[in-house]
Amino acid sequence: MTRKPPDLHSAYALETPDDSRRLYAEWADEYDRAFAQTEDYQLHVHTARAFVRAGGQGPALDVGAGTGLCGEVLTDLGVGPLDATDISSEMLERAMRKDIYRDAIEADLNEGVPVPRDSYSGIVSSGTFTHGHVGPDALNELLRIARRGAVFALSINAKHFAAKGFADKLDALVENNRIEHLSLPELRIYGNLATGDNKDDTAFIAVFEKA
């Protein structure tokens, strides 16, 4: 029997870190073409632009960098230096071939990112906070490695924003004076050429600064 190739439904079904590693190991070589181009994926563009509009600058960390789609847009917008982190070594290998990142950091956000406190002036993430295993508690680790005043732009799938606890987590971070200037624009994940079941899905982009 021929194994079904990875697709968006496979990604939405992820539940554990090992699920993610297996899927993206298989998907890495074809991700840009088979997914991003075919589905008219636009979230990485929206996220990068939101980061720059908020005054984001480097050194910045691209969280869940995948094959570097968001990093390419950030580089075109003049953001740098950039580091990439992802749970998939195969995805990071593809990303590093694009020669846009200073360093690649293989890490599971739930276990932490192996860099010192206050390492980055910006944190960007497109497509990581979605249906998979990464929940809102990972924001604590991202705040640890960000400097005071660092700009964040994090996409969060709208279907899971409240259900998975992201809304409550962000409210708590504001109330506890850990973040400030929070805005939550909601944008379509895919462009007008998308035709799949998820073509009308949206995401919030949580834009804020570390207080």
N, C-alpha and C. Protein backbone atom coordinates (compact mmCIF):
# COMPACT_ATOMS: atom_id res chain seq x y z
N MET A 1 0.84 -1.20 0.00
CA MET A 1 0.00 0.00 0.00
C MET A 1 0.87 1.25 0.00
N THR A 2 0.53 2.22 -0.83
CA THR A 2 1.26 3.47 -0.87
C THR A 2 0.84 4.37 0.28
N ARG A 3 1.82 4.87 1.03
CA ARG A 3 1.52 5.74 2.15
C ARG A 3 1.05 7.09 1.66
N LYS A 4 -0.03 7.60 2.28
CA LYS A 4 -0.55 8.91 1.91
C LYS A 4 0.48 9.98 2.22
N PRO A 5 0.77 10.89 1.28
CA PRO A 5 1.74 11.93 1.55
C PRO A 5 1.23 12.92 2.58
N PRO A 6 2.12 13.59 3.32
CA PRO A 6 1.68 14.56 4.32
C PRO A 6 0.86 15.68 3.68
N ASP A 7 -0.11 16.19 4.43
CA ASP A 7 -0.90 17.31 3.95
C ASP A 7 -1.39 18.11 5.14
N LEU A 8 -2.24 19.11 4.86
CA LEU A 8 -2.72 19.99 5.91
C LEU A 8 -3.51 19.24 6.97
N HIS A 9 -4.31 18.26 6.56
CA HIS A 9 -5.07 17.49 7.53
C HIS A 9 -4.15 16.71 8.46
N SER A 10 -3.04 16.24 7.94
CA SER A 10 -2.06 15.55 8.79
C SER A 10 -1.49 16.49 9.84
N ALA A 11 -1.21 17.72 9.42
CA ALA A 11 -0.65 18.70 10.34
C ALA A 11 -1.66 19.07 11.43
N TYR A 12 -2.94 19.21 11.04
CA TYR A 12 -3.96 19.57 12.02
C TYR A 12 -4.24 18.44 13.01
N ALA A 13 -3.83 17.22 12.68
CA ALA A 13 -4.07 16.08 13.55
C ALA A 13 -2.93 15.83 14.54
N LEU A 14 -1.88 16.62 14.50
CA LEU A 14 -0.74 16.41 15.38
C LEU A 14 -1.14 16.58 16.84
N GLU A 15 -0.60 15.70 17.68
CA GLU A 15 -0.91 15.76 19.11
C GLU A 15 0.32 15.75 19.99
N THR A 16 1.42 15.14 19.55
CA THR A 16 2.60 14.99 20.39
C THR A 16 3.84 15.50 19.66
N PRO A 17 4.92 15.76 20.41
CA PRO A 17 6.17 16.15 19.76
C PRO A 17 6.65 15.13 18.74
N ASP A 18 6.53 13.84 19.06
CA ASP A 18 6.98 12.81 18.12
C ASP A 18 6.12 12.81 16.86
N ASP A 19 4.82 13.09 16.99
CA ASP A 19 3.97 13.23 15.81
C ASP A 19 4.52 14.32 14.89
N SER A 20 4.89 15.44 15.49
CA SER A 20 5.41 16.56 14.70
C SER A 20 6.72 16.20 14.02
N ARG A 21 7.61 15.56 14.74
CA ARG A 21 8.90 15.19 14.15
C ARG A 21 8.72 14.26 12.96
N ARG A 22 7.83 13.27 13.11
CA ARG A 22 7.61 12.32 12.01
C ARG A 22 7.00 13.00 10.79
N LEU A 23 5.98 13.82 11.01
CA LEU A 23 5.31 14.46 9.88
C LEU A 23 6.25 15.37 9.11
N TYR A 24 6.95 16.25 9.84
CA TYR A 24 7.77 17.24 9.15
C TYR A 24 9.05 16.65 8.57
N ALA A 25 9.49 15.52 9.10
CA ALA A 25 10.60 14.83 8.46
C ALA A 25 10.20 14.37 7.07
N GLU A 26 8.95 13.91 6.93
CA GLU A 26 8.45 13.46 5.63
C GLU A 26 8.13 14.62 4.70
N TRP A 27 7.72 15.74 5.27
CA TRP A 27 7.17 16.85 4.50
C TRP A 27 8.22 17.87 4.07
N ALA A 28 9.38 17.86 4.70
CA ALA A 28 10.35 18.95 4.54
C ALA A 28 10.69 19.25 3.09
N ASP A 29 10.98 18.23 2.30
CA ASP A 29 11.45 18.46 0.93
C ASP A 29 10.37 19.04 0.03
N GLU A 30 9.10 18.75 0.32
CA GLU A 30 8.02 19.18 -0.55
C GLU A 30 7.15 20.28 0.04
N TYR A 31 7.48 20.75 1.24
CA TYR A 31 6.59 21.66 1.96
C TYR A 31 6.30 22.94 1.20
N ASP A 32 7.36 23.59 0.71
CA ASP A 32 7.16 24.88 0.04
C ASP A 32 6.27 24.74 -1.19
N ARG A 33 6.51 23.70 -1.96
CA ARG A 33 5.74 23.53 -3.20
C ARG A 33 4.39 22.87 -2.95
N ALA A 34 4.40 21.74 -2.25
CA ALA A 34 3.19 20.94 -2.11
C ALA A 34 2.17 21.57 -1.18
N PHE A 35 2.64 22.38 -0.23
CA PHE A 35 1.70 23.04 0.67
C PHE A 35 1.60 24.54 0.42
N ALA A 36 2.68 25.26 0.63
CA ALA A 36 2.62 26.72 0.61
C ALA A 36 2.11 27.27 -0.72
N GLN A 37 2.64 26.76 -1.82
CA GLN A 37 2.21 27.26 -3.13
C GLN A 37 0.83 26.74 -3.50
N THR A 38 0.61 25.45 -3.29
CA THR A 38 -0.66 24.85 -3.69
C THR A 38 -1.84 25.43 -2.91
N GLU A 39 -1.65 25.67 -1.62
CA GLU A 39 -2.73 26.17 -0.77
C GLU A 39 -2.79 27.70 -0.72
N ASP A 40 -1.89 28.38 -1.44
CA ASP A 40 -1.84 29.85 -1.41
C ASP A 40 -1.71 30.35 0.03
N TYR A 41 -0.78 29.75 0.74
CA TYR A 41 -0.53 30.07 2.15
C TYR A 41 0.01 31.49 2.28
N GLN A 42 -0.61 32.29 3.14
CA GLN A 42 -0.24 33.70 3.27
C GLN A 42 0.07 34.12 4.71
N LEU A 43 -0.12 33.23 5.67
CA LEU A 43 0.00 33.64 7.07
C LEU A 43 1.40 34.14 7.42
N HIS A 44 2.41 33.52 6.83
CA HIS A 44 3.78 33.96 7.12
C HIS A 44 4.02 35.39 6.65
N VAL A 45 3.39 35.78 5.55
CA VAL A 45 3.52 37.15 5.06
C VAL A 45 2.85 38.13 6.02
N HIS A 46 1.61 37.81 6.44
CA HIS A 46 0.89 38.66 7.38
C HIS A 46 1.67 38.83 8.68
N THR A 47 2.23 37.73 9.17
CA THR A 47 2.93 37.75 10.45
C THR A 47 4.19 38.59 10.37
N ALA A 48 4.96 38.40 9.32
CA ALA A 48 6.19 39.18 9.16
C ALA A 48 5.90 40.67 9.03
N ARG A 49 4.88 41.00 8.27
CA ARG A 49 4.52 42.41 8.10
C ARG A 49 4.03 43.03 9.40
N ALA A 50 3.27 42.26 10.18
CA ALA A 50 2.79 42.76 11.47
C ALA A 50 3.96 43.05 12.40
N PHE A 51 4.95 42.18 12.38
CA PHE A 51 6.15 42.37 13.20
C PHE A 51 6.86 43.67 12.84
N VAL A 52 7.04 43.90 11.56
CA VAL A 52 7.75 45.10 11.11
C VAL A 52 6.94 46.36 11.40
N ARG A 53 5.62 46.30 11.18
CA ARG A 53 4.78 47.46 11.46
C ARG A 53 4.83 47.85 12.93
N ALA A 54 5.02 46.87 13.80
CA ALA A 54 5.09 47.14 15.24
C ALA A 54 6.47 47.62 15.68
N GLY A 55 7.39 47.74 14.75
CA GLY A 55 8.73 48.21 15.07
C GLY A 55 9.70 47.09 15.37
N GLY A 56 9.35 45.87 15.03
CA GLY A 56 10.22 44.74 15.30
C GLY A 56 11.54 44.80 14.57
N GLN A 57 12.57 44.32 15.24
CA GLN A 57 13.91 44.32 14.65
C GLN A 57 14.72 43.17 15.23
N GLY A 58 15.89 42.96 14.68
CA GLY A 58 16.75 41.90 15.14
C GLY A 58 17.68 42.34 16.25
N PRO A 59 18.35 41.38 16.87
CA PRO A 59 18.28 39.96 16.57
C PRO A 59 16.91 39.37 16.92
N ALA A 60 16.37 38.59 15.99
CA ALA A 60 15.04 38.03 16.17
C ALA A 60 15.08 36.52 16.01
N LEU A 61 14.14 35.86 16.68
CA LEU A 61 14.02 34.41 16.59
C LEU A 61 12.74 34.06 15.85
N ASP A 62 12.88 33.25 14.80
CA ASP A 62 11.75 32.73 14.04
C ASP A 62 11.39 31.39 14.66
N VAL A 63 10.26 31.37 15.37
CA VAL A 63 9.85 30.20 16.17
C VAL A 63 8.97 29.29 15.33
N GLY A 64 9.34 28.01 15.27
CA GLY A 64 8.63 27.11 14.37
C GLY A 64 8.92 27.50 12.94
N ALA A 65 10.19 27.75 12.66
CA ALA A 65 10.60 28.35 11.39
C ALA A 65 10.30 27.48 10.19
N GLY A 66 10.19 26.16 10.40
CA GLY A 66 9.92 25.29 9.26
C GLY A 66 10.99 25.41 8.20
N THR A 67 10.58 25.59 6.96
CA THR A 67 11.53 25.71 5.85
C THR A 67 11.97 27.14 5.60
N GLY A 68 11.56 28.06 6.49
CA GLY A 68 12.04 29.43 6.38
C GLY A 68 11.14 30.37 5.60
N LEU A 69 9.87 30.04 5.44
CA LEU A 69 8.97 30.91 4.69
C LEU A 69 8.85 32.29 5.32
N CYS A 70 8.62 32.34 6.63
CA CYS A 70 8.49 33.62 7.31
C CYS A 70 9.83 34.36 7.32
N GLY A 71 10.90 33.60 7.52
CA GLY A 71 12.22 34.21 7.53
C GLY A 71 12.57 34.89 6.23
N GLU A 72 12.14 34.31 5.12
CA GLU A 72 12.39 34.93 3.82
C GLU A 72 11.71 36.30 3.73
N VAL A 73 10.47 36.38 4.20
CA VAL A 73 9.75 37.65 4.16
C VAL A 73 10.41 38.65 5.10
N LEU A 74 10.77 38.21 6.30
CA LEU A 74 11.44 39.09 7.24
C LEU A 74 12.74 39.64 6.67
N THR A 75 13.49 38.79 6.02
CA THR A 75 14.75 39.22 5.40
C THR A 75 14.49 40.26 4.32
N ASP A 76 13.47 40.02 3.49
CA ASP A 76 13.12 40.98 2.44
C ASP A 76 12.70 42.32 3.03
N LEU A 77 12.15 42.30 4.25
CA LEU A 77 11.71 43.52 4.91
C LEU A 77 12.82 44.17 5.73
N GLY A 78 14.00 43.59 5.67
CA GLY A 78 15.16 44.21 6.31
C GLY A 78 15.41 43.82 7.75
N VAL A 79 14.75 42.76 8.23
CA VAL A 79 14.94 42.32 9.61
C VAL A 79 16.13 41.37 9.70
N GLY A 80 16.99 41.61 10.67
CA GLY A 80 18.12 40.72 10.87
C GLY A 80 19.01 41.24 11.98
N PRO A 81 19.88 40.40 12.51
CA PRO A 81 20.03 38.98 12.16
C PRO A 81 18.86 38.14 12.66
N LEU A 82 18.69 36.98 12.02
CA LEU A 82 17.62 36.05 12.34
C LEU A 82 18.20 34.70 12.74
N ASP A 83 17.61 34.11 13.78
CA ASP A 83 17.86 32.71 14.11
C ASP A 83 16.57 31.94 13.89
N ALA A 84 16.70 30.64 13.66
CA ALA A 84 15.53 29.78 13.44
C ALA A 84 15.50 28.69 14.50
N THR A 85 14.31 28.41 15.01
CA THR A 85 14.14 27.24 15.87
C THR A 85 12.94 26.44 15.39
N ASP A 86 13.07 25.12 15.48
CA ASP A 86 12.00 24.22 15.06
C ASP A 86 12.22 22.87 15.72
N ILE A 87 11.16 22.09 15.85
CA ILE A 87 11.28 20.75 16.42
C ILE A 87 11.84 19.75 15.40
N SER A 88 11.79 20.13 14.13
CA SER A 88 12.20 19.22 13.05
C SER A 88 13.57 19.58 12.51
N SER A 89 14.53 18.67 12.65
CA SER A 89 15.86 18.91 12.10
C SER A 89 15.82 18.96 10.58
N GLU A 90 14.91 18.17 9.97
CA GLU A 90 14.80 18.17 8.52
C GLU A 90 14.30 19.50 8.00
N MET A 91 13.32 20.08 8.67
CA MET A 91 12.83 21.40 8.28
C MET A 91 13.92 22.46 8.43
N LEU A 92 14.64 22.39 9.54
CA LEU A 92 15.71 23.37 9.76
C LEU A 92 16.80 23.25 8.70
N GLU A 93 17.11 22.02 8.30
CA GLU A 93 18.10 21.83 7.25
C GLU A 93 17.67 22.53 5.96
N ARG A 94 16.39 22.40 5.61
CA ARG A 94 15.87 23.10 4.42
C ARG A 94 15.95 24.60 4.60
N ALA A 95 15.61 25.07 5.78
CA ALA A 95 15.63 26.51 6.04
C ALA A 95 17.04 27.08 5.91
N MET A 96 18.02 26.36 6.43
CA MET A 96 19.39 26.87 6.41
C MET A 96 19.98 26.93 5.01
N ARG A 97 19.43 26.14 4.09
CA ARG A 97 19.89 26.21 2.70
C ARG A 97 19.56 27.55 2.05
N LYS A 98 18.60 28.26 2.62
CA LYS A 98 18.17 29.54 2.03
C LYS A 98 19.10 30.69 2.42
N ASP A 99 20.03 30.42 3.32
CA ASP A 99 21.06 31.41 3.69
C ASP A 99 20.44 32.71 4.21
N ILE A 100 19.41 32.57 5.06
CA ILE A 100 18.79 33.76 5.65
C ILE A 100 18.93 33.78 7.16
N TYR A 101 19.37 32.66 7.76
CA TYR A 101 19.46 32.56 9.21
C TYR A 101 20.90 32.52 9.69
N ARG A 102 21.13 33.14 10.81
CA ARG A 102 22.44 33.12 11.45
C ARG A 102 22.71 31.78 12.11
N ASP A 103 21.66 31.21 12.72
CA ASP A 103 21.83 29.96 13.45
C ASP A 103 20.52 29.17 13.41
N ALA A 104 20.62 27.85 13.54
CA ALA A 104 19.46 26.96 13.62
C ALA A 104 19.48 26.26 14.97
N ILE A 105 18.33 26.25 15.65
CA ILE A 105 18.24 25.70 17.00
C ILE A 105 17.13 24.66 17.01
N GLU A 106 17.48 23.40 17.08
CA GLU A 106 16.47 22.36 17.16
C GLU A 106 15.96 22.27 18.59
N ALA A 107 14.65 22.46 18.77
CA ALA A 107 14.10 22.50 20.12
C ALA A 107 12.60 22.25 20.10
N ASP A 108 12.11 21.65 21.17
CA ASP A 108 10.68 21.53 21.46
C ASP A 108 10.33 22.67 22.41
N LEU A 109 9.46 23.57 22.01
CA LEU A 109 9.13 24.72 22.84
C LEU A 109 8.64 24.33 24.22
N ASN A 110 7.99 23.18 24.33
CA ASN A 110 7.49 22.75 25.63
C ASN A 110 8.61 22.40 26.60
N GLU A 111 9.79 22.13 26.06
CA GLU A 111 10.94 21.79 26.89
C GLU A 111 11.93 22.94 27.01
N GLY A 112 11.72 24.00 26.25
CA GLY A 112 12.58 25.17 26.33
C GLY A 112 13.48 25.32 25.11
N VAL A 113 13.96 26.54 24.92
CA VAL A 113 14.89 26.85 23.84
C VAL A 113 16.26 27.06 24.46
N PRO A 114 17.27 26.31 24.04
CA PRO A 114 18.57 26.36 24.71
C PRO A 114 19.40 27.60 24.34
N VAL A 115 18.90 28.76 24.75
CA VAL A 115 19.64 30.01 24.58
C VAL A 115 19.51 30.80 25.88
N PRO A 116 20.41 31.72 26.14
CA PRO A 116 20.36 32.47 27.40
C PRO A 116 19.15 33.40 27.48
N ARG A 117 18.81 33.76 28.69
CA ARG A 117 17.77 34.76 28.94
C ARG A 117 18.12 36.07 28.21
N ASP A 118 17.10 36.79 27.75
CA ASP A 118 17.27 38.11 27.13
C ASP A 118 18.11 38.07 25.85
N SER A 119 17.98 37.01 25.07
CA SER A 119 18.81 36.86 23.86
C SER A 119 18.30 37.67 22.67
N TYR A 120 16.98 37.94 22.60
CA TYR A 120 16.41 38.46 21.37
C TYR A 120 15.63 39.75 21.57
N SER A 121 15.69 40.60 20.55
CA SER A 121 14.91 41.83 20.52
C SER A 121 13.58 41.64 19.81
N GLY A 122 13.38 40.49 19.20
CA GLY A 122 12.14 40.19 18.50
C GLY A 122 11.87 38.71 18.47
N ILE A 123 10.59 38.35 18.55
CA ILE A 123 10.15 36.96 18.47
C ILE A 123 9.00 36.90 17.46
N VAL A 124 9.16 36.05 16.44
CA VAL A 124 8.14 35.92 15.40
C VAL A 124 7.78 34.44 15.26
N SER A 125 6.50 34.17 15.06
CA SER A 125 6.08 32.79 14.86
C SER A 125 4.86 32.75 13.96
N SER A 126 4.96 31.99 12.88
CA SER A 126 3.84 31.83 11.95
C SER A 126 3.51 30.35 11.81
N GLY A 127 2.30 29.96 12.22
CA GLY A 127 1.83 28.61 12.00
C GLY A 127 2.20 27.60 13.06
N THR A 128 2.82 28.02 14.14
CA THR A 128 3.22 27.08 15.19
C THR A 128 2.12 26.89 16.23
N PHE A 129 1.46 27.98 16.61
CA PHE A 129 0.41 27.91 17.61
C PHE A 129 -0.91 27.63 16.90
N THR A 130 -1.16 26.36 16.67
CA THR A 130 -2.30 25.96 15.85
C THR A 130 -2.93 24.71 16.44
N HIS A 131 -3.05 23.64 15.67
CA HIS A 131 -3.74 22.43 16.13
C HIS A 131 -2.80 21.43 16.80
N GLY A 132 -1.52 21.71 16.88
CA GLY A 132 -0.56 20.73 17.35
C GLY A 132 -0.37 20.72 18.84
N HIS A 133 0.83 20.31 19.26
CA HIS A 133 1.09 20.07 20.67
C HIS A 133 1.55 21.31 21.42
N VAL A 134 1.77 22.44 20.75
CA VAL A 134 2.31 23.63 21.40
C VAL A 134 1.15 24.50 21.91
N GLY A 135 1.05 24.61 23.22
CA GLY A 135 -0.02 25.39 23.84
C GLY A 135 0.46 26.73 24.35
N PRO A 136 -0.41 27.46 25.05
CA PRO A 136 -0.08 28.82 25.49
C PRO A 136 1.02 28.90 26.52
N ASP A 137 1.28 27.83 27.27
CA ASP A 137 2.34 27.89 28.28
C ASP A 137 3.72 28.10 27.65
N ALA A 138 3.86 27.80 26.36
CA ALA A 138 5.14 28.03 25.68
C ALA A 138 5.49 29.51 25.62
N LEU A 139 4.50 30.37 25.80
CA LEU A 139 4.78 31.81 25.79
C LEU A 139 5.73 32.20 26.93
N ASN A 140 5.69 31.46 28.03
CA ASN A 140 6.59 31.77 29.15
C ASN A 140 8.05 31.64 28.73
N GLU A 141 8.36 30.60 27.96
CA GLU A 141 9.73 30.40 27.51
C GLU A 141 10.14 31.48 26.52
N LEU A 142 9.23 31.86 25.64
CA LEU A 142 9.57 32.91 24.68
C LEU A 142 9.80 34.25 25.37
N LEU A 143 9.06 34.51 26.41
CA LEU A 143 9.30 35.74 27.18
C LEU A 143 10.64 35.69 27.90
N ARG A 144 11.04 34.51 28.36
CA ARG A 144 12.33 34.37 29.04
C ARG A 144 13.49 34.76 28.14
N ILE A 145 13.43 34.35 26.89
CA ILE A 145 14.58 34.59 26.01
C ILE A 145 14.49 35.93 25.28
N ALA A 146 13.43 36.69 25.55
CA ALA A 146 13.26 38.00 24.92
C ALA A 146 13.71 39.11 25.87
N ARG A 147 14.27 40.15 25.28
CA ARG A 147 14.69 41.30 26.07
C ARG A 147 13.49 42.18 26.42
N ARG A 148 13.65 43.00 27.42
CA ARG A 148 12.60 43.96 27.76
C ARG A 148 12.36 44.88 26.56
N GLY A 149 11.10 45.06 26.20
CA GLY A 149 10.76 45.87 25.04
C GLY A 149 10.76 45.11 23.73
N ALA A 150 11.11 43.82 23.77
CA ALA A 150 11.12 43.02 22.54
C ALA A 150 9.72 42.97 21.93
N VAL A 151 9.67 43.04 20.61
CA VAL A 151 8.41 42.96 19.88
C VAL A 151 8.12 41.50 19.53
N PHE A 152 6.88 41.11 19.75
CA PHE A 152 6.40 39.77 19.40
C PHE A 152 5.33 39.88 18.32
N ALA A 153 5.34 38.94 17.38
CA ALA A 153 4.24 38.77 16.43
C ALA A 153 4.04 37.27 16.28
N LEU A 154 2.96 36.75 16.88
CA LEU A 154 2.73 35.31 16.94
C LEU A 154 1.36 35.00 16.35
N SER A 155 1.32 34.19 15.30
CA SER A 155 0.02 33.80 14.75
C SER A 155 -0.57 32.68 15.60
N ILE A 156 -1.89 32.76 15.84
CA ILE A 156 -2.59 31.76 16.64
C ILE A 156 -3.88 31.42 15.90
N ASN A 157 -4.06 30.16 15.56
CA ASN A 157 -5.24 29.74 14.82
C ASN A 157 -6.51 30.17 15.55
N ALA A 158 -7.41 30.85 14.85
CA ALA A 158 -8.59 31.44 15.49
C ALA A 158 -9.51 30.39 16.10
N LYS A 159 -9.58 29.20 15.51
CA LYS A 159 -10.46 28.16 16.04
C LYS A 159 -10.03 27.69 17.42
N HIS A 160 -8.76 27.89 17.74
CA HIS A 160 -8.23 27.38 19.00
C HIS A 160 -7.80 28.49 19.95
N PHE A 161 -8.02 29.73 19.55
CA PHE A 161 -7.54 30.86 20.34
C PHE A 161 -8.13 30.85 21.74
N ALA A 162 -9.43 30.69 21.84
CA ALA A 162 -10.08 30.63 23.15
C ALA A 162 -10.08 29.21 23.70
N ALA A 163 -10.40 28.23 22.84
CA ALA A 163 -10.57 26.85 23.29
C ALA A 163 -9.31 26.26 23.92
N LYS A 164 -8.15 26.62 23.38
CA LYS A 164 -6.89 26.07 23.88
C LYS A 164 -6.24 26.94 24.95
N GLY A 165 -6.90 28.04 25.32
CA GLY A 165 -6.40 28.84 26.43
C GLY A 165 -5.52 30.02 26.06
N PHE A 166 -5.37 30.32 24.79
CA PHE A 166 -4.51 31.44 24.41
C PHE A 166 -5.09 32.78 24.84
N ALA A 167 -6.40 32.94 24.71
CA ALA A 167 -7.03 34.20 25.11
C ALA A 167 -6.80 34.46 26.59
N ASP A 168 -7.05 33.46 27.42
CA ASP A 168 -6.86 33.62 28.87
C ASP A 168 -5.39 33.87 29.21
N LYS A 169 -4.50 33.18 28.52
CA LYS A 169 -3.06 33.36 28.80
C LYS A 169 -2.62 34.78 28.49
N LEU A 170 -3.01 35.31 27.35
CA LEU A 170 -2.61 36.66 26.99
C LEU A 170 -3.21 37.68 27.95
N ASP A 171 -4.47 37.48 28.34
CA ASP A 171 -5.09 38.38 29.32
C ASP A 171 -4.31 38.38 30.62
N ALA A 172 -3.89 37.19 31.06
CA ALA A 172 -3.13 37.08 32.31
C ALA A 172 -1.78 37.77 32.21
N LEU A 173 -1.13 37.63 31.06
CA LEU A 173 0.17 38.28 30.87
C LEU A 173 0.04 39.80 30.90
N VAL A 174 -1.05 40.32 30.34
CA VAL A 174 -1.30 41.76 30.39
C VAL A 174 -1.57 42.19 31.83
N GLU A 175 -2.45 41.46 32.50
CA GLU A 175 -2.82 41.81 33.87
C GLU A 175 -1.64 41.76 34.82
N ASN A 176 -0.71 40.86 34.57
CA ASN A 176 0.47 40.73 35.43
C ASN A 176 1.65 41.58 34.97
N ASN A 177 1.38 42.47 34.01
CA ASN A 177 2.38 43.43 33.52
C ASN A 177 3.62 42.75 32.94
N ARG A 178 3.39 41.59 32.30
CA ARG A 178 4.50 40.92 31.64
C ARG A 178 4.59 41.30 30.17
N ILE A 179 3.45 41.69 29.59
CA ILE A 179 3.43 42.20 28.22
C ILE A 179 2.58 43.45 28.15
N GLU A 180 2.77 44.24 27.09
CA GLU A 180 2.00 45.48 26.93
C GLU A 180 1.78 45.75 25.45
N HIS A 181 0.86 46.68 25.19
CA HIS A 181 0.53 47.10 23.82
C HIS A 181 0.01 45.93 22.97
N LEU A 182 -0.81 45.08 23.58
CA LEU A 182 -1.33 43.91 22.88
C LEU A 182 -2.38 44.31 21.84
N SER A 183 -2.21 43.81 20.63
CA SER A 183 -3.25 43.92 19.60
C SER A 183 -3.44 42.55 18.97
N LEU A 184 -4.63 42.30 18.43
CA LEU A 184 -4.97 40.97 17.93
C LEU A 184 -5.71 41.05 16.60
N PRO A 185 -5.06 41.52 15.55
CA PRO A 185 -5.73 41.50 14.24
C PRO A 185 -6.02 40.07 13.81
N GLU A 186 -7.17 39.88 13.16
CA GLU A 186 -7.56 38.56 12.65
C GLU A 186 -7.50 38.59 11.13
N LEU A 187 -6.77 37.66 10.55
CA LEU A 187 -6.53 37.65 9.11
C LEU A 187 -6.72 36.25 8.54
N ARG A 188 -7.00 36.19 7.24
CA ARG A 188 -7.11 34.89 6.57
C ARG A 188 -5.75 34.22 6.46
N ILE A 189 -5.73 32.91 6.70
CA ILE A 189 -4.49 32.16 6.62
C ILE A 189 -4.08 31.92 5.16
N TYR A 190 -5.08 31.78 4.29
CA TYR A 190 -4.82 31.45 2.88
C TYR A 190 -5.33 32.57 1.98
N GLY A 191 -4.76 32.63 0.78
CA GLY A 191 -5.14 33.65 -0.18
C GLY A 191 -6.34 33.24 -1.02
N ASN A 192 -6.64 34.07 -1.99
CA ASN A 192 -7.84 33.88 -2.80
C ASN A 192 -7.75 32.67 -3.73
N LEU A 193 -6.56 32.13 -3.93
CA LEU A 193 -6.41 30.97 -4.81
C LEU A 193 -6.64 29.64 -4.08
N ALA A 194 -6.79 29.70 -2.76
CA ALA A 194 -6.98 28.48 -1.98
C ALA A 194 -8.33 27.85 -2.29
N THR A 195 -8.36 26.52 -2.32
CA THR A 195 -9.59 25.81 -2.66
C THR A 195 -9.94 24.70 -1.67
N GLY A 196 -9.09 24.41 -0.72
CA GLY A 196 -9.31 23.29 0.18
C GLY A 196 -10.38 23.56 1.23
N ASP A 197 -10.63 22.55 2.06
CA ASP A 197 -11.64 22.66 3.11
C ASP A 197 -11.34 23.78 4.09
N ASN A 198 -10.07 24.13 4.24
CA ASN A 198 -9.67 25.14 5.22
C ASN A 198 -9.39 26.50 4.59
N LYS A 199 -9.85 26.72 3.39
CA LYS A 199 -9.48 27.93 2.65
C LYS A 199 -9.93 29.22 3.33
N ASP A 200 -10.97 29.15 4.17
CA ASP A 200 -11.47 30.35 4.83
C ASP A 200 -11.02 30.46 6.28
N ASP A 201 -10.10 29.60 6.70
CA ASP A 201 -9.61 29.65 8.08
C ASP A 201 -8.91 30.98 8.35
N THR A 202 -8.98 31.40 9.59
CA THR A 202 -8.33 32.65 9.99
C THR A 202 -7.42 32.41 11.18
N ALA A 203 -6.58 33.39 11.44
CA ALA A 203 -5.70 33.35 12.60
C ALA A 203 -5.63 34.74 13.20
N PHE A 204 -5.48 34.79 14.51
CA PHE A 204 -5.13 36.04 15.17
C PHE A 204 -3.62 36.18 15.14
N ILE A 205 -3.14 37.40 14.98
CA ILE A 205 -1.72 37.66 15.14
C ILE A 205 -1.57 38.48 16.42
N ALA A 206 -1.04 37.84 17.45
CA ALA A 206 -0.84 38.50 18.73
C ALA A 206 0.45 39.34 18.63
N VAL A 207 0.26 40.65 18.63
CA VAL A 207 1.37 41.59 18.53
C VAL A 207 1.47 42.32 19.88
N PHE A 208 2.64 42.27 20.48
CA PHE A 208 2.81 42.91 21.79
C PHE A 208 4.29 43.13 22.07
N GLU A 209 4.58 43.78 23.18
CA GLU A 209 5.95 43.97 23.63
C GLU A 209 6.14 43.36 25.00
N LYS A 210 7.33 42.88 25.26
CA LYS A 210 7.65 42.39 26.60
C LYS A 210 7.83 43.59 27.53
N ALA A 211 7.10 43.60 28.62
CA ALA A 211 7.14 44.73 29.55
C ALA A 211 8.40 44.67 30.43
